């Protein structure tokens, strides 16, 4: 009986991680990374790093006006939805 409980707990944990990993993939209707990079460059960003899908948006860091900025980008329009100076 103890082995069954352990197996059940392990299965729940693994399925939770599998769902989490797939949640951070770009959707089929999202702009590509290249398109987002073009939008960011047009908005004054350079040295863009860590651009990845996360929680329904693109996010990463880049340099803007000489400061390192963390940003979020709408995956459908390319609009910046968050810009925060990274201290």
N, C-alpha and C. Protein backbone atom coordinates (compact mmCIF):
# COMPACT_ATOMS: atom_id res chain seq x y z
N UNK A 1 0.83 -1.20 0.00
CA UNK A 1 0.00 0.00 0.00
C UNK A 1 0.87 1.25 0.00
N UNK A 2 1.95 1.24 0.77
CA UNK A 2 2.85 2.39 0.85
C UNK A 2 3.49 2.68 -0.51
N UNK A 3 3.83 1.63 -1.24
CA UNK A 3 4.43 1.79 -2.57
C UNK A 3 3.43 2.45 -3.51
N UNK A 4 2.18 2.10 -3.43
CA UNK A 4 1.15 2.71 -4.27
C UNK A 4 1.03 4.22 -3.99
N UNK A 5 1.03 4.59 -2.73
CA UNK A 5 0.93 6.00 -2.37
C UNK A 5 2.14 6.77 -2.90
N UNK A 6 3.31 6.18 -2.75
CA UNK A 6 4.53 6.82 -3.25
C UNK A 6 4.47 6.97 -4.77
N UNK A 7 4.01 5.95 -5.46
CA UNK A 7 3.89 6.01 -6.91
C UNK A 7 2.88 7.07 -7.33
N UNK A 8 1.78 7.18 -6.61
CA UNK A 8 0.76 8.18 -6.91
C UNK A 8 1.31 9.59 -6.72
N UNK A 9 2.02 9.81 -5.62
CA UNK A 9 2.61 11.12 -5.36
C UNK A 9 3.62 11.46 -6.45
N UNK A 10 4.45 10.51 -6.83
CA UNK A 10 5.44 10.74 -7.88
C UNK A 10 4.77 11.08 -9.20
N UNK A 11 3.70 10.38 -9.54
CA UNK A 11 2.98 10.65 -10.78
C UNK A 11 2.38 12.05 -10.79
N UNK A 12 1.85 12.48 -9.67
CA UNK A 12 1.27 13.82 -9.57
C UNK A 12 2.35 14.88 -9.74
N UNK A 13 3.48 14.67 -9.11
CA UNK A 13 4.58 15.64 -9.22
C UNK A 13 5.08 15.72 -10.65
N UNK A 14 5.30 14.58 -11.28
CA UNK A 14 5.80 14.56 -12.66
C UNK A 14 4.81 15.21 -13.60
N UNK A 15 3.53 14.92 -13.45
CA UNK A 15 2.54 15.53 -14.35
C UNK A 15 2.46 17.03 -14.14
N UNK A 16 2.67 17.49 -12.92
CA UNK A 16 2.69 18.93 -12.65
C UNK A 16 3.84 19.61 -13.35
N UNK A 17 5.02 19.00 -13.33
CA UNK A 17 6.18 19.57 -14.00
C UNK A 17 6.00 19.53 -15.51
N UNK A 18 5.40 18.50 -16.02
CA UNK A 18 5.17 18.41 -17.47
C UNK A 18 4.25 19.53 -17.93
N UNK A 19 3.21 19.82 -17.17
CA UNK A 19 2.31 20.91 -17.51
C UNK A 19 2.99 22.25 -17.43
N UNK A 20 3.85 22.41 -16.44
CA UNK A 20 4.57 23.67 -16.26
C UNK A 20 5.52 23.90 -17.43
N UNK A 21 6.23 22.88 -17.83
CA UNK A 21 7.20 23.03 -18.92
C UNK A 21 6.49 23.39 -20.22
N UNK A 22 5.36 22.78 -20.51
CA UNK A 22 4.68 23.07 -21.76
C UNK A 22 4.00 24.44 -21.74
N UNK A 23 3.76 24.99 -20.56
CA UNK A 23 3.12 26.30 -20.46
C UNK A 23 4.06 27.42 -20.91
N UNK A 24 5.37 27.16 -20.92
CA UNK A 24 6.34 28.18 -21.28
C UNK A 24 6.86 28.01 -22.70
N UNK A 25 5.99 27.62 -23.60
CA UNK A 25 6.34 27.49 -25.01
C UNK A 25 5.55 28.54 -25.78
N UNK A 26 6.16 29.14 -26.81
CA UNK A 26 5.42 30.11 -27.61
C UNK A 26 4.20 29.46 -28.25
N UNK A 27 3.10 30.19 -28.26
CA UNK A 27 1.89 29.69 -28.89
C UNK A 27 2.01 29.73 -30.41
N UNK A 28 1.18 28.98 -31.10
CA UNK A 28 1.27 28.92 -32.56
C UNK A 28 0.93 30.26 -33.23
N UNK A 29 0.22 31.13 -32.53
CA UNK A 29 -0.15 32.43 -33.11
C UNK A 29 0.74 33.56 -32.60
N UNK A 30 1.83 33.23 -31.93
CA UNK A 30 2.75 34.24 -31.39
C UNK A 30 3.70 34.76 -32.47
N UNK A 31 4.18 35.98 -32.25
CA UNK A 31 5.25 36.51 -33.08
C UNK A 31 6.49 35.66 -32.82
N UNK A 32 7.36 35.56 -33.82
CA UNK A 32 8.59 34.81 -33.64
C UNK A 32 9.59 35.63 -32.82
N UNK A 33 10.63 34.97 -32.34
CA UNK A 33 11.68 35.68 -31.61
C UNK A 33 12.30 36.76 -32.49
N UNK A 34 12.52 36.45 -33.76
CA UNK A 34 13.11 37.44 -34.67
C UNK A 34 12.23 38.67 -34.82
N UNK A 35 10.92 38.46 -34.92
CA UNK A 35 10.00 39.59 -35.03
C UNK A 35 10.02 40.44 -33.76
N UNK A 36 10.07 39.77 -32.61
CA UNK A 36 10.12 40.49 -31.33
C UNK A 36 11.43 41.27 -31.22
N UNK A 37 12.53 40.65 -31.64
CA UNK A 37 13.83 41.33 -31.60
C UNK A 37 13.79 42.60 -32.46
N UNK A 38 13.15 42.54 -33.62
CA UNK A 38 13.02 43.72 -34.49
C UNK A 38 12.23 44.82 -33.79
N UNK A 39 11.13 44.44 -33.14
CA UNK A 39 10.31 45.42 -32.41
C UNK A 39 11.12 46.06 -31.28
N UNK A 40 11.87 45.24 -30.55
CA UNK A 40 12.67 45.75 -29.45
C UNK A 40 13.76 46.70 -29.96
N UNK A 41 14.40 46.34 -31.06
CA UNK A 41 15.43 47.21 -31.64
C UNK A 41 14.82 48.54 -32.05
N UNK A 42 13.62 48.50 -32.65
CA UNK A 42 12.94 49.73 -33.06
C UNK A 42 12.56 50.59 -31.85
N UNK A 43 12.36 49.94 -30.69
CA UNK A 43 12.01 50.66 -29.47
C UNK A 43 13.24 51.16 -28.72
N UNK A 44 14.43 50.95 -29.29
CA UNK A 44 15.65 51.48 -28.68
C UNK A 44 16.46 50.50 -27.85
N UNK A 45 16.11 49.23 -27.90
CA UNK A 45 16.85 48.22 -27.14
C UNK A 45 18.02 47.69 -27.95
N UNK A 46 19.11 47.34 -27.23
CA UNK A 46 20.20 46.58 -27.83
C UNK A 46 20.73 45.64 -26.76
N UNK A 47 21.69 44.81 -27.13
CA UNK A 47 22.23 43.80 -26.22
C UNK A 47 21.12 42.99 -25.54
N UNK A 48 20.17 42.53 -26.32
CA UNK A 48 19.02 41.78 -25.80
C UNK A 48 19.45 40.35 -25.45
N UNK A 49 19.12 39.94 -24.23
CA UNK A 49 19.47 38.59 -23.77
C UNK A 49 18.27 37.93 -23.11
N UNK A 50 18.30 36.62 -23.06
CA UNK A 50 17.30 35.86 -22.32
C UNK A 50 15.89 35.97 -22.84
N UNK A 51 15.72 36.26 -24.12
CA UNK A 51 14.37 36.37 -24.67
C UNK A 51 13.73 34.99 -24.71
N UNK A 52 12.65 34.82 -23.92
CA UNK A 52 11.98 33.53 -23.87
C UNK A 52 10.51 33.70 -23.54
N UNK A 53 9.75 32.67 -23.87
CA UNK A 53 8.32 32.64 -23.55
C UNK A 53 8.16 32.35 -22.06
N UNK A 54 7.31 33.14 -21.40
CA UNK A 54 7.08 32.92 -19.98
C UNK A 54 5.72 33.49 -19.58
N UNK A 55 4.87 32.65 -19.05
CA UNK A 55 3.57 33.08 -18.52
C UNK A 55 2.74 33.90 -19.51
N UNK A 56 2.73 33.48 -20.76
CA UNK A 56 1.87 34.13 -21.75
C UNK A 56 2.44 35.36 -22.41
N UNK A 57 3.75 35.60 -22.28
CA UNK A 57 4.37 36.74 -22.94
C UNK A 57 5.83 36.41 -23.22
N UNK A 58 6.46 37.23 -24.05
CA UNK A 58 7.90 37.15 -24.22
C UNK A 58 8.54 38.00 -23.13
N UNK A 59 9.65 37.54 -22.57
CA UNK A 59 10.35 38.35 -21.59
C UNK A 59 11.85 38.20 -21.77
N UNK A 60 12.57 39.21 -21.31
CA UNK A 60 14.02 39.18 -21.40
C UNK A 60 14.60 40.45 -20.82
N UNK A 61 15.87 40.69 -21.14
CA UNK A 61 16.57 41.89 -20.69
C UNK A 61 17.31 42.48 -21.87
N UNK A 62 17.53 43.77 -21.79
CA UNK A 62 18.30 44.46 -22.81
C UNK A 62 18.76 45.80 -22.28
N UNK A 63 19.59 46.45 -23.07
CA UNK A 63 20.08 47.76 -22.70
C UNK A 63 19.28 48.81 -23.45
N UNK A 64 18.81 49.82 -22.71
CA UNK A 64 18.06 50.92 -23.30
C UNK A 64 18.49 52.19 -22.57
N UNK A 65 18.90 53.19 -23.33
CA UNK A 65 19.36 54.45 -22.75
C UNK A 65 20.49 54.22 -21.73
N UNK A 66 21.35 53.24 -22.03
CA UNK A 66 22.49 52.97 -21.16
C UNK A 66 22.19 52.21 -19.89
N UNK A 67 20.95 51.76 -19.72
CA UNK A 67 20.55 51.03 -18.51
C UNK A 67 20.06 49.64 -18.89
N UNK A 68 20.30 48.69 -18.01
CA UNK A 68 19.79 47.33 -18.22
C UNK A 68 18.32 47.32 -17.79
N UNK A 69 17.48 46.87 -18.70
CA UNK A 69 16.03 46.90 -18.47
C UNK A 69 15.45 45.50 -18.67
N UNK A 70 14.62 45.08 -17.73
CA UNK A 70 13.84 43.86 -17.90
C UNK A 70 12.54 44.25 -18.58
N UNK A 71 12.11 43.45 -19.56
CA UNK A 71 10.90 43.79 -20.31
C UNK A 71 10.01 42.58 -20.51
N UNK A 72 8.73 42.86 -20.75
CA UNK A 72 7.75 41.88 -21.20
C UNK A 72 7.17 42.41 -22.49
N UNK A 73 6.90 41.50 -23.42
CA UNK A 73 6.37 41.88 -24.72
C UNK A 73 5.11 41.07 -25.01
N UNK A 74 4.06 41.75 -25.46
CA UNK A 74 2.84 41.07 -25.87
C UNK A 74 3.19 40.16 -27.05
N UNK A 75 2.85 38.87 -26.99
CA UNK A 75 3.26 37.94 -28.03
C UNK A 75 2.51 38.09 -29.36
N UNK A 76 1.42 38.84 -29.35
CA UNK A 76 0.62 38.99 -30.57
C UNK A 76 0.89 40.31 -31.28
N UNK A 77 1.15 41.35 -30.52
CA UNK A 77 1.32 42.68 -31.12
C UNK A 77 2.76 43.18 -31.09
N UNK A 78 3.57 42.62 -30.20
CA UNK A 78 4.93 43.10 -30.03
C UNK A 78 5.03 44.34 -29.15
N UNK A 79 3.92 44.75 -28.57
CA UNK A 79 3.92 45.93 -27.69
C UNK A 79 4.61 45.60 -26.37
N UNK A 80 5.39 46.53 -25.87
CA UNK A 80 6.01 46.38 -24.56
C UNK A 80 4.95 46.54 -23.49
N UNK A 81 4.83 45.55 -22.62
CA UNK A 81 3.83 45.61 -21.55
C UNK A 81 4.46 45.84 -20.19
N UNK A 82 5.80 45.72 -20.12
CA UNK A 82 6.51 46.00 -18.88
C UNK A 82 7.93 46.40 -19.23
N UNK A 83 8.41 47.45 -18.58
CA UNK A 83 9.80 47.87 -18.69
C UNK A 83 10.23 48.27 -17.29
N UNK A 84 11.23 47.59 -16.76
CA UNK A 84 11.67 47.85 -15.40
C UNK A 84 13.20 47.84 -15.35
N UNK A 85 13.78 48.90 -14.85
CA UNK A 85 15.24 48.98 -14.75
C UNK A 85 15.70 47.90 -13.78
N UNK A 86 16.68 47.12 -14.24
CA UNK A 86 17.21 46.01 -13.46
C UNK A 86 18.36 46.52 -12.61
N UNK A 87 18.15 46.58 -11.31
CA UNK A 87 19.18 47.06 -10.39
C UNK A 87 20.18 46.00 -10.05
